[in-house]
Amino acid sequence: MKKRQSFRHIKGHDRDRIQALRDSWHTQKEIAEVLGFSESAISRELSRNPTRVGRYKADRARDHAEEKRAHSKYPGMKIDVYPDLKQYIIRQLKRLRSPDEIAGRLKKKGITPRIGKNAIYKWLYSDAGHPYCRFLCARRVGSRKQNGLPRRVLIPDRKPLHTRPDTPGLIHAEGDLFVSPTRLRVKDSGLLVVVPIAHLLKGNIIPNKTSAVMVRAMQKLTTQLSLDTCAFDNGIENVHHKEFGVDAYFCDRGAPWQKSHVESSIGLIRRWFLPKGTNLATIPDNIFQSQLHLLNQKYRKSLGYQSAYEVAMERGIIDCIPKISITAAVAFR
């Protein structure tokens, strides 16, 4: 009996290789053998993502797959598939049980199939569950919309982070802002740029988050560092990213973990010097530079007990170690 071939999805790097092999005039059978897929899987991938001239483009295929995957499920699909579960949820709602109660009771009793409260709410807010919203405590027929959110601004010529080149030798960085508490009504913020390969921290205290101020601050930092790319989030302050002096790439919306090094480095600064609730308007930039200088001099286990400055010098990221006193940082603690 022929053993069934193990299944796996076609990923982004597979699509890049498919395009390269296809452009080199390899057959579908040869592409399948190289990548370890069945010939029919390669055939379907090529047929569903053609261009007008019949060529295959990896970027276009990747965007199409992500869009299709995002809409592959609809709200309440699991409830519609299991009629007994649907009737149980309706009975409990009519007894004025909340979705949290229903989901928690299913888990406590070990009843299967089980469903979470968020899935029940999504079903209730869909067309299928809309008639049963009247049994909810608030009788709300949709999720509550947040007020006072800023208008979303699309970043022009935005390059997604997954398109960033992985060529060996390129120096990548990550940048982000951390802010003062909203209740203080101050605009001062901290800009931090991290080079993950050396754990090098560079930054400034800036007076506000406007795009003009962000451009000047990034231009100042990029003249001090030898960088090829820098990853950012989708904030309005990055609208003029083409003037930063470095190729900018952007995380997916709502995915800050894609620039985990700068997020953890901001947490490091918070733990050592500037805990949440600190009014950054009271922190002079020279004190902030002293704090970063102290952290860059720390011997890190991940760097073989070298400092960030030492590794950055070896990699050619910086030309020299700046002469900054750490007295202000020590005194600040």
C-alpha atoms as a PDB file:
ATOM      1  CA  MET A   1       0.000   0.000   0.000  1.00  0.00           C
ATOM      2  CA  LYS A   2       1.391   3.378  -0.994  1.00  0.00           C
ATOM      3  CA  LYS A   3       2.143   5.608   1.995  1.00  0.00           C
ATOM      4  CA  ARG A   4       0.159   8.829   2.010  1.00  0.00           C
ATOM      5  CA  GLN A   5       2.349  11.903   1.598  1.00  0.00           C
ATOM      6  CA  SER A   6       2.418  14.187   4.636  1.00  0.00           C
ATOM      7  CA  PHE A   7       0.475  17.417   4.176  1.00  0.00           C
ATOM      8  CA  ARG A   8       1.733  20.943   4.701  1.00  0.00           C
ATOM      9  CA  HIS A   9       0.599  24.356   3.540  1.00  0.00           C
ATOM     10  CA  ILE A  10       2.468  26.319   0.905  1.00  0.00           C
ATOM     11  CA  LYS A  11       4.243  29.125   2.787  1.00  0.00           C
ATOM     12  CA  GLY A  12       5.700  32.457   1.728  1.00  0.00           C
ATOM     13  CA  HIS A  13       9.227  31.142   1.169  1.00  0.00           C
ATOM     14  CA  ASP A  14       7.806  28.238  -0.883  1.00  0.00           C
ATOM     15  CA  ARG A  15       6.067  30.723  -3.173  1.00  0.00           C
ATOM     16  CA  ASP A  16       9.335  32.633  -3.650  1.00  0.00           C
ATOM     17  CA  ARG A  17      11.034  29.395  -4.742  1.00  0.00           C
ATOM     18  CA  ILE A  18       8.121  28.484  -7.003  1.00  0.00           C
ATOM     19  CA  GLN A  19       8.461  31.830  -8.798  1.00  0.00           C
ATOM     20  CA  ALA A  20      12.240  31.432  -9.149  1.00  0.00           C
ATOM     21  CA  LEU A  21      11.952  27.891 -10.523  1.00  0.00           C
ATOM     22  CA  ARG A  22       9.060  28.821 -12.791  1.00  0.00           C
ATOM     23  CA  ASP A  23      10.970  31.780 -14.222  1.00  0.00           C
ATOM     24  CA  SER A  24      13.845  29.353 -14.913  1.00  0.00           C
ATOM     25  CA  TRP A  25      11.478  27.259 -17.069  1.00  0.00           C
ATOM     26  CA  HIS A  26      11.282  24.253 -14.742  1.00  0.00           C
ATOM     27  CA  THR A  27       8.252  22.013 -15.135  1.00  0.00           C
ATOM     28  CA  GLN A  28       5.573  21.548 -12.480  1.00  0.00           C
ATOM     29  CA  LYS A  29       6.877  18.047 -11.797  1.00  0.00           C
ATOM     30  CA  GLU A  30      10.414  19.320 -11.216  1.00  0.00           C
ATOM     31  CA  ILE A  31       9.164  22.115  -8.926  1.00  0.00           C
ATOM     32  CA  ALA A  32       7.133  19.585  -6.921  1.00  0.00           C
ATOM     33  CA  GLU A  33      10.151  17.301  -6.485  1.00  0.00           C
ATOM     34  CA  VAL A  34      12.403  20.160  -5.354  1.00  0.00           C
ATOM     35  CA  LEU A  35       9.927  21.595  -2.813  1.00  0.00           C
ATOM     36  CA  GLY A  36       8.491  18.294  -1.588  1.00  0.00           C
ATOM     37  CA  PHE A  37       4.884  18.922  -2.693  1.00  0.00           C
ATOM     38  CA  SER A  38       2.649  16.869  -4.901  1.00  0.00           C
ATOM     39  CA  GLU A  39       2.480  17.860  -8.543  1.00  0.00           C
ATOM     40  CA  SER A  40      -1.249  18.571  -8.207  1.00  0.00           C
ATOM     41  CA  ALA A  41      -0.587  21.030  -5.328  1.00  0.00           C
ATOM     42  CA  ILE A  42       1.880  22.965  -7.488  1.00  0.00           C
ATOM     43  CA  SER A  43      -0.589  22.883 -10.386  1.00  0.00           C
ATOM     44  CA  ARG A  44      -3.391  24.330  -8.233  1.00  0.00           C
ATOM     45  CA  GLU A  45      -1.092  27.031  -6.841  1.00  0.00           C
ATOM     46  CA  LEU A  46      -0.052  28.131 -10.338  1.00  0.00           C
ATOM     47  CA  SER A  47      -3.565  28.021 -11.783  1.00  0.00           C
ATOM     48  CA  ARG A  48      -5.194  30.066  -9.025  1.00  0.00           C
ATOM     49  CA  ASN A  49      -2.584  32.880  -9.113  1.00  0.00           C
ATOM     50  CA  PRO A  50      -1.839  33.751 -12.751  1.00  0.00           C
ATOM     51  CA  THR A  51      -1.106  37.232 -14.062  1.00  0.00           C
ATOM     52  CA  ARG A  52      -2.502  38.638 -17.312  1.00  0.00           C
ATOM     53  CA  VAL A  53       0.477  37.298 -19.224  1.00  0.00           C
ATOM     54  CA  GLY A  54       0.335  33.915 -17.475  1.00  0.00           C
ATOM     55  CA  ARG A  55       3.300  34.415 -15.156  1.00  0.00           C
ATOM     56  CA  TYR A  56       3.380  33.547 -11.459  1.00  0.00           C
ATOM     57  CA  LYS A  57       4.153  36.292  -8.895  1.00  0.00           C
ATOM     58  CA  ALA A  58       4.981  35.209  -5.330  1.00  0.00           C
ATOM     59  CA  ASP A  59       3.931  38.509  -3.707  1.00  0.00           C
ATOM     60  CA  ARG A  60       0.553  38.479  -5.411  1.00  0.00           C
ATOM     61  CA  ALA A  61      -0.007  34.812  -4.492  1.00  0.00           C
ATOM     62  CA  ARG A  62       0.929  35.509  -0.867  1.00  0.00           C
ATOM     63  CA  ASP A  63      -1.520  38.419  -0.607  1.00  0.00           C
ATOM     64  CA  HIS A  64      -4.265  36.342  -2.208  1.00  0.00           C
ATOM     65  CA  ALA A  65      -3.680  33.449   0.225  1.00  0.00           C
ATOM     66  CA  GLU A  66      -3.723  35.743   3.266  1.00  0.00           C
ATOM     67  CA  GLU A  67      -6.947  37.398   2.104  1.00  0.00           C
ATOM     68  CA  LYS A  68      -8.595  34.054   1.476  1.00  0.00           C
ATOM     69  CA  ARG A  69      -7.495  32.696   4.838  1.00  0.00           C
ATOM     70  CA  ALA A  70      -8.811  35.765   6.671  1.00  0.00           C
ATOM     71  CA  HIS A  71     -12.312  35.154   5.279  1.00  0.00           C
ATOM     72  CA  SER A  72     -12.306  31.355   5.445  1.00  0.00           C
ATOM     73  CA  LYS A  73     -14.546  31.300   8.522  1.00  0.00           C
ATOM     74  CA  TYR A  74     -17.703  33.200   9.326  1.00  0.00           C
ATOM     75  CA  PRO A  75     -19.140  34.197  12.742  1.00  0.00           C
ATOM     76  CA  GLY A  76     -21.108  31.382  14.332  1.00  0.00           C
ATOM     77  CA  MET A  77     -19.886  28.675  11.963  1.00  0.00           C
ATOM     78  CA  LYS A  78     -19.261  26.190  14.782  1.00  0.00           C
ATOM     79  CA  ILE A  79     -22.700  26.828  16.291  1.00  0.00           C
ATOM     80  CA  ASP A  80     -24.398  26.254  12.933  1.00  0.00           C
ATOM     81  CA  VAL A  81     -22.500  22.998  12.378  1.00  0.00           C
ATOM     82  CA  TYR A  82     -23.723  21.486  15.677  1.00  0.00           C
ATOM     83  CA  PRO A  83     -27.534  21.891  15.961  1.00  0.00           C
ATOM     84  CA  ASP A  84     -27.645  20.398  19.488  1.00  0.00           C
ATOM     85  CA  LEU A  85     -25.095  22.948  20.687  1.00  0.00           C
ATOM     86  CA  LYS A  86     -27.096  25.732  19.039  1.00  0.00           C
ATOM     87  CA  GLN A  87     -30.329  24.668  20.750  1.00  0.00           C
ATOM     88  CA  TYR A  88     -28.518  24.410  24.109  1.00  0.00           C
ATOM     89  CA  ILE A  89     -27.165  27.958  23.748  1.00  0.00           C
ATOM     90  CA  ILE A  90     -30.609  29.293  22.786  1.00  0.00           C
ATOM     91  CA  ARG A  91     -32.252  27.595  25.783  1.00  0.00           C
ATOM     92  CA  GLN A  92     -29.679  29.045  28.152  1.00  0.00           C
ATOM     93  CA  LEU A  93     -30.006  32.526  26.645  1.00  0.00           C
ATOM     94  CA  LYS A  94     -33.772  32.388  27.170  1.00  0.00           C
ATOM     95  CA  ARG A  95     -33.052  31.682  30.839  1.00  0.00           C
ATOM     96  CA  LEU A  96     -31.054  34.931  30.827  1.00  0.00           C
ATOM     97  CA  ARG A  97     -27.690  33.197  31.041  1.00  0.00           C
ATOM     98  CA  SER A  98     -24.810  35.285  29.768  1.00  0.00           C
ATOM     99  CA  PRO A  99     -22.410  33.911  27.108  1.00  0.00           C
ATOM    100  CA  ASP A 100     -19.718  33.797  29.796  1.00  0.00           C
ATOM    101  CA  GLU A 101     -21.937  31.580  31.974  1.00  0.00           C
ATOM    102  CA  ILE A 102     -22.799  29.296  29.075  1.00  0.00           C
ATOM    103  CA  ALA A 103     -19.189  28.832  27.939  1.00  0.00           C
ATOM    104  CA  GLY A 104     -17.934  28.375  31.511  1.00  0.00           C
ATOM    105  CA  ARG A 105     -20.581  25.754  32.286  1.00  0.00           C
ATOM    106  CA  LEU A 106     -19.759  23.791  29.138  1.00  0.00           C
ATOM    107  CA  LYS A 107     -16.123  23.685  30.220  1.00  0.00           C
ATOM    108  CA  LYS A 108     -16.932  22.764  33.832  1.00  0.00           C
ATOM    109  CA  LYS A 109     -19.150  19.839  32.811  1.00  0.00           C
ATOM    110  CA  GLY A 110     -16.789  18.725  30.047  1.00  0.00           C
ATOM    111  CA  ILE A 111     -19.533  18.894  27.434  1.00  0.00           C
ATOM    112  CA  THR A 112     -18.348  18.634  23.846  1.00  0.00           C
ATOM    113  CA  PRO A 113     -18.307  20.285  21.434  1.00  0.00           C
ATOM    114  CA  ARG A 114     -17.317  23.278  23.545  1.00  0.00           C
ATOM    115  CA  ILE A 115     -17.304  26.922  22.542  1.00  0.00           C
ATOM    116  CA  GLY A 116     -15.926  30.132  24.043  1.00  0.00           C
ATOM    117  CA  LYS A 117     -17.833  33.234  25.085  1.00  0.00           C
ATOM    118  CA  ASN A 118     -16.311  35.361  22.325  1.00  0.00           C
ATOM    119  CA  ALA A 119     -17.560  32.933  19.682  1.00  0.00           C
ATOM    120  CA  ILE A 120     -21.051  33.089  21.190  1.00  0.00           C
ATOM    121  CA  TYR A 121     -20.986  36.894  21.119  1.00  0.00           C
ATOM    122  CA  LYS A 122     -19.868  36.871  17.467  1.00  0.00           C
ATOM    123  CA  TRP A 123     -22.746  34.546  16.609  1.00  0.00           C
ATOM    124  CA  LEU A 124     -25.201  36.762  18.486  1.00  0.00           C
ATOM    125  CA  TYR A 125     -23.996  39.853  16.648  1.00  0.00           C
ATOM    126  CA  SER A 126     -24.320  38.095  13.265  1.00  0.00           C
ATOM    127  CA  ASP A 127     -27.517  37.840  11.240  1.00  0.00           C
ATOM    128  CA  ALA A 128     -28.159  34.278  12.470  1.00  0.00           C
ATOM    129  CA  GLY A 129     -28.012  35.132  16.189  1.00  0.00           C
ATOM    130  CA  HIS A 130     -29.397  38.658  16.032  1.00  0.00           C
ATOM    131  CA  PRO A 131     -32.928  37.673  17.220  1.00  0.00           C
ATOM    132  CA  TYR A 132     -31.523  36.340  20.494  1.00  0.00           C
ATOM    133  CA  CYS A 133     -29.642  39.527  21.478  1.00  0.00           C
ATOM    134  CA  ARG A 134     -32.767  40.639  23.359  1.00  0.00           C
ATOM    135  CA  PHE A 135     -31.954  38.043  26.031  1.00  0.00           C
ATOM    136  CA  LEU A 136     -28.616  39.696  26.847  1.00  0.00           C
ATOM    137  CA  CYS A 137     -28.313  41.917  29.900  1.00  0.00           C
ATOM    138  CA  ALA A 138     -27.592  45.068  27.884  1.00  0.00           C
ATOM    139  CA  ARG A 139     -29.727  43.922  24.905  1.00  0.00           C
ATOM    140  CA  ARG A 140     -26.959  45.210  22.682  1.00  0.00           C
ATOM    141  CA  VAL A 141     -27.067  43.988  19.078  1.00  0.00           C
ATOM    142  CA  GLY A 142     -23.420  44.736  18.275  1.00  0.00           C
ATOM    143  CA  SER A 143     -20.051  45.203  19.898  1.00  0.00           C
ATOM    144  CA  ARG A 144     -19.539  48.539  21.607  1.00  0.00           C
ATOM    145  CA  LYS A 145     -17.644  51.048  19.515  1.00  0.00           C
ATOM    146  CA  GLN A 146     -14.872  53.019  21.146  1.00  0.00           C
ATOM    147  CA  ASN A 147     -15.209  56.780  21.114  1.00  0.00           C
ATOM    148  CA  GLY A 148     -12.470  59.311  20.641  1.00  0.00           C
ATOM    149  CA  LEU A 149     -10.210  57.111  18.529  1.00  0.00           C
ATOM    150  CA  PRO A 150      -8.002  59.032  16.104  1.00  0.00           C
ATOM    151  CA  ARG A 151      -8.776  58.814  12.422  1.00  0.00           C
ATOM    152  CA  ARG A 152      -6.782  56.016  10.817  1.00  0.00           C
ATOM    153  CA  VAL A 153      -4.232  57.371   8.378  1.00  0.00           C
ATOM    154  CA  LEU A 154      -2.871  55.106   5.669  1.00  0.00           C
ATOM    155  CA  ILE A 155       0.905  55.217   5.350  1.00  0.00           C
ATOM    156  CA  PRO A 156       1.906  55.883   1.728  1.00  0.00           C
ATOM    157  CA  ASP A 157       4.204  53.373   0.020  1.00  0.00           C
ATOM    158  CA  ARG A 158       4.003  51.113   3.057  1.00  0.00           C
ATOM    159  CA  LYS A 159       6.287  48.065   2.787  1.00  0.00           C
ATOM    160  CA  PRO A 160       5.166  45.055   4.909  1.00  0.00           C
ATOM    161  CA  LEU A 161       7.740  43.560   7.238  1.00  0.00           C
ATOM    162  CA  HIS A 162       7.535  40.130   5.596  1.00  0.00           C
ATOM    163  CA  THR A 163       8.963  41.651   2.397  1.00  0.00           C
ATOM    164  CA  ARG A 164      12.138  42.798   4.162  1.00  0.00           C
ATOM    165  CA  PRO A 165      15.199  41.163   2.536  1.00  0.00           C
ATOM    166  CA  ASP A 166      17.022  38.508   4.543  1.00  0.00           C
ATOM    167  CA  THR A 167      20.344  38.964   2.776  1.00  0.00           C
ATOM    168  CA  PRO A 168      23.260  38.056   5.095  1.00  0.00           C
ATOM    169  CA  GLY A 169      25.192  41.075   6.263  1.00  0.00           C
ATOM    170  CA  LEU A 170      22.290  43.509   6.301  1.00  0.00           C
ATOM    171  CA  ILE A 171      21.854  45.411   9.564  1.00  0.00           C
ATOM    172  CA  HIS A 172      18.202  45.532  10.661  1.00  0.00           C
ATOM    173  CA  ALA A 173      16.782  47.720  13.404  1.00  0.00           C
ATOM    174  CA  GLU A 174      13.444  48.315  15.126  1.00  0.00           C
ATOM    175  CA  GLY A 175      11.958  51.634  16.231  1.00  0.00           C
ATOM    176  CA  ASP A 176       9.059  52.685  18.425  1.00  0.00           C
ATOM    177  CA  LEU A 177       7.758  55.396  20.755  1.00  0.00           C
ATOM    178  CA  PHE A 178       6.844  55.245  24.431  1.00  0.00           C
ATOM    179  CA  VAL A 179       4.725  58.010  25.885  1.00  0.00           C
ATOM    180  CA  SER A 180       3.745  59.835  29.042  1.00  0.00           C
ATOM    181  CA  PRO A 181       0.458  58.947  30.778  1.00  0.00           C
ATOM    182  CA  THR A 182      -2.628  60.316  29.024  1.00  0.00           C
ATOM    183  CA  ARG A 183      -3.977  61.763  32.275  1.00  0.00           C
ATOM    184  CA  LEU A 184      -1.015  64.176  32.479  1.00  0.00           C
ATOM    185  CA  ARG A 185      -1.924  65.713  29.119  1.00  0.00           C
ATOM    186  CA  VAL A 186       1.700  66.146  28.059  1.00  0.00           C
ATOM    187  CA  LYS A 187       2.972  65.412  24.560  1.00  0.00           C
ATOM    188  CA  ASP A 188       6.597  64.528  25.358  1.00  0.00           C
ATOM    189  CA  SER A 189       7.551  61.036  24.213  1.00  0.00           C
ATOM    190  CA  GLY A 190      10.586  58.813  24.003  1.00  0.00           C
ATOM    191  CA  LEU A 191      11.892  57.532  20.669  1.00  0.00           C
ATOM    192  CA  LEU A 192      13.907  54.308  20.839  1.00  0.00           C
ATOM    193  CA  VAL A 193      15.757  52.505  18.055  1.00  0.00           C
ATOM    194  CA  VAL A 194      17.192  49.051  18.765  1.00  0.00           C
ATOM    195  CA  VAL A 195      19.684  47.059  16.692  1.00  0.00           C
ATOM    196  CA  PRO A 196      18.799  43.445  17.668  1.00  0.00           C
ATOM    197  CA  ILE A 197      22.047  41.872  16.465  1.00  0.00           C
ATOM    198  CA  ALA A 198      23.982  43.914  19.068  1.00  0.00           C
ATOM    199  CA  HIS A 199      21.179  44.883  21.510  1.00  0.00           C
ATOM    200  CA  LEU A 200      22.297  48.477  20.912  1.00  0.00           C
ATOM    201  CA  LEU A 201      19.895  51.170  22.142  1.00  0.00           C
ATOM    202  CA  LYS A 202      19.703  54.662  20.670  1.00  0.00           C
ATOM    203  CA  GLY A 203      17.032  57.272  21.216  1.00  0.00           C
ATOM    204  CA  ASN A 204      15.884  60.738  22.200  1.00  0.00           C
ATOM    205  CA  ILE A 205      13.216  62.475  24.232  1.00  0.00           C
ATOM    206  CA  ILE A 206      11.077  64.336  21.682  1.00  0.00           C
ATOM    207  CA  PRO A 207       8.540  67.134  22.394  1.00  0.00           C
ATOM    208  CA  ASN A 208       5.636  65.506  20.534  1.00  0.00           C
ATOM    209  CA  LYS A 209       4.662  62.728  18.118  1.00  0.00           C
ATOM    210  CA  THR A 210       4.160  64.812  14.982  1.00  0.00           C
ATOM    211  CA  SER A 211       5.594  63.468  11.747  1.00  0.00           C
ATOM    212  CA  ALA A 212       7.922  66.480  11.339  1.00  0.00           C
ATOM    213  CA  VAL A 213       9.515  65.938  14.755  1.00  0.00           C
ATOM    214  CA  MET A 214       9.776  62.195  14.060  1.00  0.00           C
ATOM    215  CA  VAL A 215      11.611  62.849  10.788  1.00  0.00           C
ATOM    216  CA  ARG A 216      14.189  65.113  12.456  1.00  0.00           C
ATOM    217  CA  ALA A 217      14.734  62.659  15.334  1.00  0.00           C
ATOM    218  CA  MET A 218      15.161  59.659  12.997  1.00  0.00           C
ATOM    219  CA  GLN A 219      17.535  61.559  10.716  1.00  0.00           C
ATOM    220  CA  LYS A 220      19.672  62.388  13.757  1.00  0.00           C
ATOM    221  CA  LEU A 221      19.773  58.752  14.876  1.00  0.00           C
ATOM    222  CA  THR A 222      20.452  57.257  11.445  1.00  0.00           C
ATOM    223  CA  THR A 223      23.520  59.488  11.040  1.00  0.00           C
ATOM    224  CA  GLN A 224      24.932  57.870  14.204  1.00  0.00           C
ATOM    225  CA  LEU A 225      24.252  54.276  13.102  1.00  0.00           C
ATOM    226  CA  SER A 226      25.059  52.190  10.056  1.00  0.00           C
ATOM    227  CA  LEU A 227      21.657  50.611   9.271  1.00  0.00           C
ATOM    228  CA  ASP A 228      20.043  49.045   6.223  1.00  0.00           C
ATOM    229  CA  THR A 229      16.417  48.733   7.407  1.00  0.00           C
ATOM    230  CA  CYS A 230      14.231  49.654  10.354  1.00  0.00           C
ATOM    231  CA  ALA A 231      10.849  48.182  11.388  1.00  0.00           C
ATOM    232  CA  PHE A 232       8.043  50.395  12.701  1.00  0.00           C
ATOM    233  CA  ASP A 233       4.396  50.148  13.637  1.00  0.00           C
ATOM    234  CA  ASN A 234       1.599  51.843  11.695  1.00  0.00           C
ATOM    235  CA  GLY A 235       1.361  55.066  13.717  1.00  0.00           C
ATOM    236  CA  ILE A 236       0.603  58.382  12.056  1.00  0.00           C
ATOM    237  CA  GLU A 237       4.005  59.690  13.148  1.00  0.00           C
ATOM    238  CA  ASN A 238       5.625  57.426  10.512  1.00  0.00           C
ATOM    239  CA  VAL A 239       3.788  58.926   7.526  1.00  0.00           C
ATOM    240  CA  HIS A 240       6.972  60.565   6.164  1.00  0.00           C
ATOM    241  CA  HIS A 241       9.102  57.434   6.571  1.00  0.00           C
ATOM    242  CA  LYS A 242      10.860  58.034   3.253  1.00  0.00           C
ATOM    243  CA  GLU A 243      12.702  60.949   4.891  1.00  0.00           C
ATOM    244  CA  PHE A 244      14.023  58.885   7.821  1.00  0.00           C
ATOM    245  CA  GLY A 245      17.313  58.098   6.111  1.00  0.00           C
ATOM    246  CA  VAL A 246      16.779  54.314   6.282  1.00  0.00           C
ATOM    247  CA  ASP A 247      14.505  51.860   4.479  1.00  0.00           C
ATOM    248  CA  ALA A 248      11.359  51.515   6.614  1.00  0.00           C
ATOM    249  CA  TYR A 249       9.270  48.355   6.862  1.00  0.00           C
ATOM    250  CA  PHE A 250       6.028  48.047   8.787  1.00  0.00           C
ATOM    251  CA  CYS A 251       4.492  45.393  11.036  1.00  0.00           C
ATOM    252  CA  ASP A 252       1.035  44.028  10.392  1.00  0.00           C
ATOM    253  CA  ARG A 253      -1.725  46.043  12.051  1.00  0.00           C
ATOM    254  CA  GLY A 254      -2.226  44.925  15.645  1.00  0.00           C
ATOM    255  CA  ALA A 255       0.946  42.821  15.658  1.00  0.00           C
ATOM    256  CA  PRO A 256       3.535  44.646  17.813  1.00  0.00           C
ATOM    257  CA  TRP A 257       5.235  41.327  18.617  1.00  0.00           C
ATOM    258  CA  GLN A 258       6.757  41.433  15.132  1.00  0.00           C
ATOM    259  CA  LYS A 259       9.217  44.008  16.507  1.00  0.00           C
ATOM    260  CA  SER A 260       9.751  42.237  19.806  1.00  0.00           C
ATOM    261  CA  HIS A 261      13.257  43.569  20.453  1.00  0.00           C
ATOM    262  CA  VAL A 262      12.240  47.217  20.723  1.00  0.00           C
ATOM    263  CA  GLU A 263       9.160  46.290  22.784  1.00  0.00           C
ATOM    264  CA  SER A 264      11.288  44.361  25.297  1.00  0.00           C
ATOM    265  CA  SER A 265      13.907  47.129  25.328  1.00  0.00           C
ATOM    266  CA  ILE A 266      11.242  49.699  26.213  1.00  0.00           C
ATOM    267  CA  GLY A 267      10.258  47.362  29.035  1.00  0.00           C
ATOM    268  CA  LEU A 268      13.918  47.280  30.136  1.00  0.00           C
ATOM    269  CA  ILE A 269      14.048  51.073  30.293  1.00  0.00           C
ATOM    270  CA  ARG A 270      10.769  51.079  32.211  1.00  0.00           C
ATOM    271  CA  ARG A 271      12.096  48.625  34.788  1.00  0.00           C
ATOM    272  CA  TRP A 272      15.431  50.369  35.321  1.00  0.00           C
ATOM    273  CA  PHE A 273      14.650  54.062  35.071  1.00  0.00           C
ATOM    274  CA  LEU A 274      11.294  55.250  33.703  1.00  0.00           C
ATOM    275  CA  PRO A 275       8.385  53.208  35.113  1.00  0.00           C
ATOM    276  CA  LYS A 276       4.922  53.603  33.665  1.00  0.00           C
ATOM    277  CA  GLY A 277       3.381  56.823  34.921  1.00  0.00           C
ATOM    278  CA  THR A 278       6.604  58.825  34.503  1.00  0.00           C
ATOM    279  CA  ASN A 279       6.095  62.296  33.068  1.00  0.00           C
ATOM    280  CA  LEU A 280       8.655  62.349  30.246  1.00  0.00           C
ATOM    281  CA  ALA A 281       8.448  66.156  30.130  1.00  0.00           C
ATOM    282  CA  THR A 282      10.460  66.160  33.371  1.00  0.00           C
ATOM    283  CA  ILE A 283      13.253  63.984  31.922  1.00  0.00           C
ATOM    284  CA  PRO A 284      16.015  66.034  30.226  1.00  0.00           C
ATOM    285  CA  ASP A 285      17.491  64.411  27.139  1.00  0.00           C
ATOM    286  CA  ASN A 286      20.975  64.320  28.688  1.00  0.00           C
ATOM    287  CA  ILE A 287      19.667  62.112  31.525  1.00  0.00           C
ATOM    288  CA  PHE A 288      17.958  59.833  28.985  1.00  0.00           C
ATOM    289  CA  GLN A 289      21.223  59.563  27.020  1.00  0.00           C
ATOM    290  CA  SER A 290      23.054  58.670  30.232  1.00  0.00           C
ATOM    291  CA  GLN A 291      20.501  55.916  30.909  1.00  0.00           C
ATOM    292  CA  LEU A 292      20.885  54.434  27.428  1.00  0.00           C
ATOM    293  CA  HIS A 293      24.665  54.678  27.722  1.00  0.00           C
ATOM    294  CA  LEU A 294      24.587  52.694  30.968  1.00  0.00           C
ATOM    295  CA  LEU A 295      22.408  49.962  29.417  1.00  0.00           C
ATOM    296  CA  ASN A 296      24.652  49.761  26.353  1.00  0.00           C
ATOM    297  CA  GLN A 297      27.644  49.158  28.652  1.00  0.00           C
ATOM    298  CA  LYS A 298      26.016  46.219  30.454  1.00  0.00           C
ATOM    299  CA  TYR A 299      27.527  42.785  29.794  1.00  0.00           C
ATOM    300  CA  ARG A 300      24.822  40.583  28.294  1.00  0.00           C
ATOM    301  CA  LYS A 301      24.759  36.807  28.429  1.00  0.00           C
ATOM    302  CA  SER A 302      23.141  36.680  24.965  1.00  0.00           C
ATOM    303  CA  LEU A 303      26.210  38.496  23.588  1.00  0.00           C
ATOM    304  CA  GLY A 304      28.715  36.203  25.294  1.00  0.00           C
ATOM    305  CA  TYR A 305      29.094  38.669  28.174  1.00  0.00           C
ATOM    306  CA  GLN A 306      30.082  41.470  25.862  1.00  0.00           C
ATOM    307  CA  SER A 307      28.505  44.897  25.916  1.00  0.00           C
ATOM    308  CA  ALA A 308      26.293  46.249  23.144  1.00  0.00           C
ATOM    309  CA  TYR A 309      28.971  48.814  22.335  1.00  0.00           C
ATOM    310  CA  GLU A 310      31.635  46.137  21.868  1.00  0.00           C
ATOM    311  CA  VAL A 311      29.487  44.051  19.507  1.00  0.00           C
ATOM    312  CA  ALA A 312      28.330  47.146  17.591  1.00  0.00           C
ATOM    313  CA  MET A 313      31.950  48.201  17.074  1.00  0.00           C
ATOM    314  CA  GLU A 314      32.864  44.711  15.790  1.00  0.00           C
ATOM    315  CA  ARG A 315      29.917  44.735  13.369  1.00  0.00           C
ATOM    316  CA  GLY A 316      30.627  48.248  12.114  1.00  0.00           C
ATOM    317  CA  ILE A 317      27.312  49.613  13.345  1.00  0.00           C
ATOM    318  CA  ILE A 318      29.010  52.493  15.150  1.00  0.00           C
ATOM    319  CA  ASP A 319      32.390  54.116  14.562  1.00  0.00           C
ATOM    320  CA  CYS A 320      33.265  54.863  18.162  1.00  0.00           C
ATOM    321  CA  ILE A 321      31.873  54.576  21.668  1.00  0.00           C
ATOM    322  CA  PRO A 322      30.419  57.942  22.724  1.00  0.00           C
ATOM    323  CA  LYS A 323      31.817  59.621  25.803  1.00  0.00           C
ATOM    324  CA  ILE A 324      28.779  60.048  28.036  1.00  0.00           C
ATOM    325  CA  SER A 325      28.823  60.058  31.819  1.00  0.00           C
ATOM    326  CA  ILE A 326      26.620  57.513  33.583  1.00  0.00           C
ATOM    327  CA  THR A 327      26.599  59.593  36.770  1.00  0.00           C
ATOM    328  CA  ALA A 328      23.219  61.143  35.923  1.00  0.00           C
ATOM    329  CA  ALA A 329      21.676  57.715  35.306  1.00  0.00           C
ATOM    330  CA  VAL A 330      23.006  56.286  38.585  1.00  0.00           C
ATOM    331  CA  ALA A 331      21.871  59.351  40.506  1.00  0.00           C
ATOM    332  CA  PHE A 332      18.417  59.186  38.888  1.00  0.00           C
ATOM    333  CA  ARG A 333      17.805  55.767  40.432  1.00  0.00           C
END
